[in-house]
Amino acid sequence: MKTSANFCSKSLSAATLASLMLASSTEAVVINNTTSVTVGYFQPNYPWDIDGSNGSEINVATASLAYINLRSAANSFAAVASGIKLLNLATSQILGPEAGLNYLGQFNKVLSYGVIRNAQGFTNGNAGYMGFKFDHAGTTCYGWAEIVLAHGSFSGTFTINQWAYEDSGAAIQVGSTVPEPASTAAGLGLLALGAAGLRKWRKDKAAKAA
């Protein structure tokens, strides 16, 4: 009986643990859109409205009939960049206020005269991921978009396959439609199990950050 009592004092009931995990996982919501849009040379500019309110955040713009540019339209939109180039991100990348990434609000000649120019890591016709941030209802939100840059001898298209953003301002993993704070729920569960759980949680977070 004594052993049983000690065990109970060092752990949480299943119901309590479940409520902790639910509270953590519902702090944030990922808004996902799977509407595919393709913009090409000789086509009108596309006003990309990421959150479906207050107008577009970014324009996928054609210029001189042979360029495709990305230009922030409103709401402090910016995308992850390497220098002046749009950067293709790995699905392990975390986007958030502490990620330490470089952002730009405008990218000129992402595609130009049938060639991928100011976009790093993208290959012709293959899906890649751009990361972005923008102001949503007074909160800086982070998100990702799956895009395809494709070109021919004198043609080019910019396709948006899908995108998602985290609506509370918390972090989100590229390619994921699960809120990043869900990992915190698992951490709370480990924390509830005592010092060993806390050490494992810290180790896992450190490895993920690295």
C-alpha atoms as a PDB file:
ATOM      1  CA  MET A   1       0.000   0.000   0.000  1.00  0.00           C
ATOM      2  CA  LYS A   2       2.814   2.384   0.832  1.00  0.00           C
ATOM      3  CA  THR A   3       4.463   1.780  -2.535  1.00  0.00           C
ATOM      4  CA  SER A   4       1.206   2.443  -4.316  1.00  0.00           C
ATOM      5  CA  ALA A   5       0.660   5.696  -2.426  1.00  0.00           C
ATOM      6  CA  ASN A   6       4.153   6.926  -3.236  1.00  0.00           C
ATOM      7  CA  PHE A   7       3.672   6.151  -6.914  1.00  0.00           C
ATOM      8  CA  CYS A   8       0.394   8.078  -7.014  1.00  0.00           C
ATOM      9  CA  SER A   9       1.950  11.103  -5.329  1.00  0.00           C
ATOM     10  CA  LYS A  10       4.607  11.339  -8.069  1.00  0.00           C
ATOM     11  CA  SER A  11       2.313  10.990 -11.037  1.00  0.00           C
ATOM     12  CA  LEU A  12      -0.880  12.469 -12.422  1.00  0.00           C
ATOM     13  CA  SER A  13      -4.063  10.584 -13.082  1.00  0.00           C
ATOM     14  CA  ALA A  14      -4.859   9.758 -16.699  1.00  0.00           C
ATOM     15  CA  ALA A  15      -7.748  12.235 -16.609  1.00  0.00           C
ATOM     16  CA  THR A  16      -5.585  15.070 -15.288  1.00  0.00           C
ATOM     17  CA  LEU A  17      -2.838  14.367 -17.818  1.00  0.00           C
ATOM     18  CA  ALA A  18      -5.377  14.240 -20.646  1.00  0.00           C
ATOM     19  CA  SER A  19      -6.824  17.599 -19.590  1.00  0.00           C
ATOM     20  CA  LEU A  20      -3.342  19.154 -19.540  1.00  0.00           C
ATOM     21  CA  MET A  21      -2.595  17.849 -23.014  1.00  0.00           C
ATOM     22  CA  LEU A  22      -5.962  19.028 -24.332  1.00  0.00           C
ATOM     23  CA  ALA A  23      -5.496  22.504 -22.894  1.00  0.00           C
ATOM     24  CA  SER A  24      -2.055  22.789 -24.467  1.00  0.00           C
ATOM     25  CA  SER A  25      -3.041  21.394 -27.860  1.00  0.00           C
ATOM     26  CA  THR A  26      -6.053  23.709 -28.160  1.00  0.00           C
ATOM     27  CA  GLU A  27      -4.113  26.903 -27.496  1.00  0.00           C
ATOM     28  CA  ALA A  28      -3.515  27.316 -31.212  1.00  0.00           C
ATOM     29  CA  VAL A  29      -5.075  26.373 -34.495  1.00  0.00           C
ATOM     30  CA  VAL A  30      -3.440  25.768 -37.847  1.00  0.00           C
ATOM     31  CA  ILE A  31      -5.475  27.193 -40.697  1.00  0.00           C
ATOM     32  CA  ASN A  32      -4.886  25.065 -43.789  1.00  0.00           C
ATOM     33  CA  ASN A  33      -5.907  25.872 -47.369  1.00  0.00           C
ATOM     34  CA  THR A  34      -5.513  23.364 -50.189  1.00  0.00           C
ATOM     35  CA  THR A  35      -6.801  25.521 -53.016  1.00  0.00           C
ATOM     36  CA  SER A  36      -4.287  25.224 -55.862  1.00  0.00           C
ATOM     37  CA  VAL A  37      -3.497  28.374 -57.854  1.00  0.00           C
ATOM     38  CA  THR A  38      -1.134  28.751 -60.816  1.00  0.00           C
ATOM     39  CA  VAL A  39       0.195  32.082 -62.072  1.00  0.00           C
ATOM     40  CA  GLY A  40       2.170  32.220 -65.301  1.00  0.00           C
ATOM     41  CA  TYR A  41       3.706  34.610 -67.780  1.00  0.00           C
ATOM     42  CA  PHE A  42       1.186  36.658 -69.743  1.00  0.00           C
ATOM     43  CA  GLN A  43      -1.385  36.226 -66.962  1.00  0.00           C
ATOM     44  CA  PRO A  44      -2.890  38.779 -64.547  1.00  0.00           C
ATOM     45  CA  ASN A  45      -1.281  39.309 -61.168  1.00  0.00           C
ATOM     46  CA  TYR A  46      -2.640  37.100 -58.399  1.00  0.00           C
ATOM     47  CA  PRO A  47      -3.562  38.762 -55.072  1.00  0.00           C
ATOM     48  CA  TRP A  48      -2.852  36.041 -52.508  1.00  0.00           C
ATOM     49  CA  ASP A  49      -5.149  36.363 -49.494  1.00  0.00           C
ATOM     50  CA  ILE A  50      -3.623  33.996 -46.953  1.00  0.00           C
ATOM     51  CA  ASP A  51      -6.045  34.421 -44.068  1.00  0.00           C
ATOM     52  CA  GLY A  52      -9.181  35.163 -46.091  1.00  0.00           C
ATOM     53  CA  SER A  53      -9.744  38.578 -44.519  1.00  0.00           C
ATOM     54  CA  ASN A  54      -8.716  42.210 -44.972  1.00  0.00           C
ATOM     55  CA  GLY A  55      -7.459  41.720 -48.518  1.00  0.00           C
ATOM     56  CA  SER A  56      -4.364  40.059 -49.914  1.00  0.00           C
ATOM     57  CA  GLU A  57      -1.067  39.792 -48.055  1.00  0.00           C
ATOM     58  CA  ILE A  58       1.115  39.283 -51.120  1.00  0.00           C
ATOM     59  CA  ASN A  59       0.890  39.635 -54.888  1.00  0.00           C
ATOM     60  CA  VAL A  60       2.292  37.027 -57.237  1.00  0.00           C
ATOM     61  CA  ALA A  61       3.090  39.554 -59.925  1.00  0.00           C
ATOM     62  CA  THR A  62       4.016  39.320 -63.583  1.00  0.00           C
ATOM     63  CA  ALA A  63       6.185  42.066 -64.995  1.00  0.00           C
ATOM     64  CA  SER A  64       7.206  42.806 -68.578  1.00  0.00           C
ATOM     65  CA  LEU A  65       5.343  39.602 -69.477  1.00  0.00           C
ATOM     66  CA  ALA A  66       8.405  37.500 -68.698  1.00  0.00           C
ATOM     67  CA  TYR A  67       9.005  37.815 -64.948  1.00  0.00           C
ATOM     68  CA  ILE A  68       7.277  36.516 -61.863  1.00  0.00           C
ATOM     69  CA  ASN A  69       7.844  38.559 -58.718  1.00  0.00           C
ATOM     70  CA  LEU A  70       6.559  38.291 -55.158  1.00  0.00           C
ATOM     71  CA  ARG A  71       5.581  41.580 -53.558  1.00  0.00           C
ATOM     72  CA  SER A  72       4.153  42.240 -50.120  1.00  0.00           C
ATOM     73  CA  ALA A  73       0.732  43.812 -50.494  1.00  0.00           C
ATOM     74  CA  ALA A  74      -0.237  44.477 -46.884  1.00  0.00           C
ATOM     75  CA  ASN A  75      -0.198  43.164 -43.317  1.00  0.00           C
ATOM     76  CA  SER A  76       3.602  43.126 -43.056  1.00  0.00           C
ATOM     77  CA  PHE A  77       4.018  39.989 -45.161  1.00  0.00           C
ATOM     78  CA  ALA A  78       7.554  38.655 -45.569  1.00  0.00           C
ATOM     79  CA  ALA A  79       8.987  35.313 -46.697  1.00  0.00           C
ATOM     80  CA  VAL A  80      12.114  33.441 -45.588  1.00  0.00           C
ATOM     81  CA  ALA A  81      15.076  34.431 -47.732  1.00  0.00           C
ATOM     82  CA  SER A  82      18.700  33.640 -48.382  1.00  0.00           C
ATOM     83  CA  GLY A  83      20.151  36.966 -49.415  1.00  0.00           C
ATOM     84  CA  ILE A  84      17.700  38.261 -52.032  1.00  0.00           C
ATOM     85  CA  LYS A  85      16.462  34.788 -52.964  1.00  0.00           C
ATOM     86  CA  LEU A  86      13.319  32.970 -51.882  1.00  0.00           C
ATOM     87  CA  LEU A  87      14.516  29.983 -49.848  1.00  0.00           C
ATOM     88  CA  ASN A  88      13.231  26.417 -50.186  1.00  0.00           C
ATOM     89  CA  LEU A  89      12.836  25.059 -46.651  1.00  0.00           C
ATOM     90  CA  ALA A  90      13.115  21.537 -45.305  1.00  0.00           C
ATOM     91  CA  THR A  91      10.057  20.049 -43.649  1.00  0.00           C
ATOM     92  CA  SER A  92      12.023  19.858 -40.398  1.00  0.00           C
ATOM     93  CA  GLN A  93      12.285  23.659 -40.251  1.00  0.00           C
ATOM     94  CA  ILE A  94      10.428  25.388 -37.432  1.00  0.00           C
ATOM     95  CA  LEU A  95       8.975  28.824 -38.187  1.00  0.00           C
ATOM     96  CA  GLY A  96       8.351  31.097 -35.243  1.00  0.00           C
ATOM     97  CA  PRO A  97       9.418  34.155 -33.270  1.00  0.00           C
ATOM     98  CA  GLU A  98      12.659  32.513 -32.099  1.00  0.00           C
ATOM     99  CA  ALA A  99      13.715  30.757 -35.301  1.00  0.00           C
ATOM    100  CA  GLY A 100      16.334  33.376 -36.257  1.00  0.00           C
ATOM    101  CA  LEU A 101      15.502  33.344 -39.968  1.00  0.00           C
ATOM    102  CA  ASN A 102      15.937  36.126 -42.512  1.00  0.00           C
ATOM    103  CA  TYR A 103      12.741  37.508 -44.086  1.00  0.00           C
ATOM    104  CA  LEU A 104      12.115  39.751 -47.089  1.00  0.00           C
ATOM    105  CA  GLY A 105       8.931  41.424 -48.250  1.00  0.00           C
ATOM    106  CA  GLN A 106       9.772  41.426 -51.951  1.00  0.00           C
ATOM    107  CA  PHE A 107      11.440  39.046 -54.382  1.00  0.00           C
ATOM    108  CA  ASN A 108      12.178  40.242 -57.899  1.00  0.00           C
ATOM    109  CA  LYS A 109      12.497  37.778 -60.796  1.00  0.00           C
ATOM    110  CA  VAL A 110      11.800  34.572 -58.930  1.00  0.00           C
ATOM    111  CA  LEU A 111      11.271  33.286 -62.459  1.00  0.00           C
ATOM    112  CA  SER A 112      12.670  35.207 -65.414  1.00  0.00           C
ATOM    113  CA  TYR A 113      12.634  34.398 -69.134  1.00  0.00           C
ATOM    114  CA  GLY A 114      12.056  30.698 -68.528  1.00  0.00           C
ATOM    115  CA  VAL A 115      14.654  30.256 -65.767  1.00  0.00           C
ATOM    116  CA  ILE A 116      14.423  29.982 -61.965  1.00  0.00           C
ATOM    117  CA  ARG A 117      16.506  32.937 -60.793  1.00  0.00           C
ATOM    118  CA  ASN A 118      15.995  34.455 -57.362  1.00  0.00           C
ATOM    119  CA  ALA A 119      14.863  31.261 -55.667  1.00  0.00           C
ATOM    120  CA  GLN A 120      17.345  28.994 -53.882  1.00  0.00           C
ATOM    121  CA  GLY A 121      16.910  25.234 -53.575  1.00  0.00           C
ATOM    122  CA  PHE A 122      13.942  24.952 -55.934  1.00  0.00           C
ATOM    123  CA  THR A 123      14.133  22.704 -58.988  1.00  0.00           C
ATOM    124  CA  ASN A 124      12.061  22.813 -62.141  1.00  0.00           C
ATOM    125  CA  GLY A 125       8.596  21.327 -61.693  1.00  0.00           C
ATOM    126  CA  ASN A 126       9.173  19.960 -58.193  1.00  0.00           C
ATOM    127  CA  ALA A 127       7.320  21.002 -55.049  1.00  0.00           C
ATOM    128  CA  GLY A 128       9.213  23.002 -52.439  1.00  0.00           C
ATOM    129  CA  TYR A 129       8.308  25.002 -49.342  1.00  0.00           C
ATOM    130  CA  MET A 130       8.439  28.704 -48.636  1.00  0.00           C
ATOM    131  CA  GLY A 131       8.053  30.039 -45.116  1.00  0.00           C
ATOM    132  CA  PHE A 132       6.410  33.329 -44.282  1.00  0.00           C
ATOM    133  CA  LYS A 133       5.074  35.626 -41.583  1.00  0.00           C
ATOM    134  CA  PHE A 134       2.361  38.262 -41.662  1.00  0.00           C
ATOM    135  CA  ASP A 135       0.136  40.319 -39.402  1.00  0.00           C
ATOM    136  CA  HIS A 136      -3.206  38.680 -38.657  1.00  0.00           C
ATOM    137  CA  ALA A 137      -5.613  40.587 -36.401  1.00  0.00           C
ATOM    138  CA  GLY A 138      -2.696  42.333 -34.686  1.00  0.00           C
ATOM    139  CA  THR A 139      -0.644  39.153 -34.206  1.00  0.00           C
ATOM    140  CA  THR A 140       2.445  38.164 -36.168  1.00  0.00           C
ATOM    141  CA  CYS A 141       1.601  34.705 -37.500  1.00  0.00           C
ATOM    142  CA  TYR A 142       3.950  32.186 -39.089  1.00  0.00           C
ATOM    143  CA  GLY A 143       3.164  29.779 -41.892  1.00  0.00           C
ATOM    144  CA  TRP A 144       4.359  27.817 -44.906  1.00  0.00           C
ATOM    145  CA  ALA A 145       3.268  27.235 -48.474  1.00  0.00           C
ATOM    146  CA  GLU A 146       3.951  24.322 -50.785  1.00  0.00           C
ATOM    147  CA  ILE A 147       4.837  25.808 -54.165  1.00  0.00           C
ATOM    148  CA  VAL A 148       6.079  24.628 -57.556  1.00  0.00           C
ATOM    149  CA  LEU A 149       8.297  26.703 -59.843  1.00  0.00           C
ATOM    150  CA  ALA A 150       8.206  25.399 -63.396  1.00  0.00           C
ATOM    151  CA  HIS A 151       9.646  26.705 -66.645  1.00  0.00           C
ATOM    152  CA  GLY A 152      10.101  25.909 -70.289  1.00  0.00           C
ATOM    153  CA  SER A 153      12.290  27.522 -72.934  1.00  0.00           C
ATOM    154  CA  PHE A 154      10.440  30.821 -72.609  1.00  0.00           C
ATOM    155  CA  SER A 155       7.688  30.201 -70.091  1.00  0.00           C
ATOM    156  CA  GLY A 156       7.241  30.047 -66.364  1.00  0.00           C
ATOM    157  CA  THR A 157       4.596  29.270 -63.771  1.00  0.00           C
ATOM    158  CA  PHE A 158       4.344  29.782 -60.021  1.00  0.00           C
ATOM    159  CA  THR A 159       1.912  27.296 -58.453  1.00  0.00           C
ATOM    160  CA  ILE A 160       0.657  27.410 -54.880  1.00  0.00           C
ATOM    161  CA  ASN A 161      -0.482  23.903 -53.951  1.00  0.00           C
ATOM    162  CA  GLN A 162      -1.442  24.528 -50.337  1.00  0.00           C
ATOM    163  CA  TRP A 163      -0.550  26.637 -47.348  1.00  0.00           C
ATOM    164  CA  ALA A 164      -1.022  26.770 -43.593  1.00  0.00           C
ATOM    165  CA  TYR A 165      -0.430  29.234 -40.783  1.00  0.00           C
ATOM    166  CA  GLU A 166      -0.634  29.111 -37.000  1.00  0.00           C
ATOM    167  CA  ASP A 167      -3.190  31.676 -35.854  1.00  0.00           C
ATOM    168  CA  SER A 168      -1.938  32.442 -32.327  1.00  0.00           C
ATOM    169  CA  GLY A 169       1.582  33.545 -33.238  1.00  0.00           C
ATOM    170  CA  ALA A 170       3.144  30.314 -31.961  1.00  0.00           C
ATOM    171  CA  ALA A 171       5.613  28.248 -33.974  1.00  0.00           C
ATOM    172  CA  ILE A 172       4.699  25.908 -36.796  1.00  0.00           C
ATOM    173  CA  GLN A 173       6.708  23.220 -38.566  1.00  0.00           C
ATOM    174  CA  VAL A 174       7.045  23.461 -42.337  1.00  0.00           C
ATOM    175  CA  GLY A 175       4.665  21.069 -44.058  1.00  0.00           C
ATOM    176  CA  SER A 176       2.744  20.335 -40.868  1.00  0.00           C
ATOM    177  CA  THR A 177      -0.915  21.004 -40.142  1.00  0.00           C
ATOM    178  CA  VAL A 178      -0.506  20.173 -36.453  1.00  0.00           C
ATOM    179  CA  PRO A 179       0.119  23.091 -34.051  1.00  0.00           C
ATOM    180  CA  GLU A 180       3.680  23.139 -32.746  1.00  0.00           C
ATOM    181  CA  PRO A 181       2.422  23.617 -29.132  1.00  0.00           C
ATOM    182  CA  ALA A 182       1.179  20.014 -29.283  1.00  0.00           C
ATOM    183  CA  SER A 183       4.783  19.036 -28.584  1.00  0.00           C
ATOM    184  CA  THR A 184       4.514  21.061 -25.391  1.00  0.00           C
ATOM    185  CA  ALA A 185       1.594  18.876 -24.339  1.00  0.00           C
ATOM    186  CA  ALA A 186       3.825  15.829 -24.566  1.00  0.00           C
ATOM    187  CA  GLY A 187       6.369  17.752 -22.514  1.00  0.00           C
ATOM    188  CA  LEU A 188       3.793  18.399 -19.815  1.00  0.00           C
ATOM    189  CA  GLY A 189       3.058  14.695 -19.706  1.00  0.00           C
ATOM    190  CA  LEU A 190       6.729  13.879 -19.201  1.00  0.00           C
ATOM    191  CA  LEU A 191       7.067  16.654 -16.656  1.00  0.00           C
ATOM    192  CA  ALA A 192       4.230  15.135 -14.691  1.00  0.00           C
ATOM    193  CA  LEU A 193       6.237  11.919 -14.390  1.00  0.00           C
ATOM    194  CA  GLY A 194       9.009  13.656 -12.481  1.00  0.00           C
ATOM    195  CA  ALA A 195      12.643  14.661 -12.953  1.00  0.00           C
ATOM    196  CA  ALA A 196      13.390  11.913 -15.462  1.00  0.00           C
ATOM    197  CA  GLY A 197      10.563  13.126 -17.670  1.00  0.00           C
ATOM    198  CA  LEU A 198      11.762  16.705 -17.392  1.00  0.00           C
ATOM    199  CA  ARG A 199      15.283  15.744 -18.433  1.00  0.00           C
ATOM    200  CA  LYS A 200      13.961  13.829 -21.472  1.00  0.00           C
ATOM    201  CA  TRP A 201      11.752  16.755 -22.504  1.00  0.00           C
ATOM    202  CA  ARG A 202      14.641  19.212 -22.318  1.00  0.00           C
ATOM    203  CA  LYS A 203      16.898  16.836 -24.258  1.00  0.00           C
ATOM    204  CA  ASP A 204      14.294  16.369 -27.001  1.00  0.00           C
ATOM    205  CA  LYS A 205      13.719  20.139 -27.317  1.00  0.00           C
ATOM    206  CA  ALA A 206      17.454  20.827 -27.486  1.00  0.00           C
ATOM    207  CA  ALA A 207      17.902  18.205 -30.214  1.00  0.00           C
ATOM    208  CA  LYS A 208      14.993  19.654 -32.209  1.00  0.00           C
ATOM    209  CA  ALA A 209      16.382  23.178 -31.938  1.00  0.00           C
ATOM    210  CA  ALA A 210      19.803  21.984 -33.131  1.00  0.00           C
END
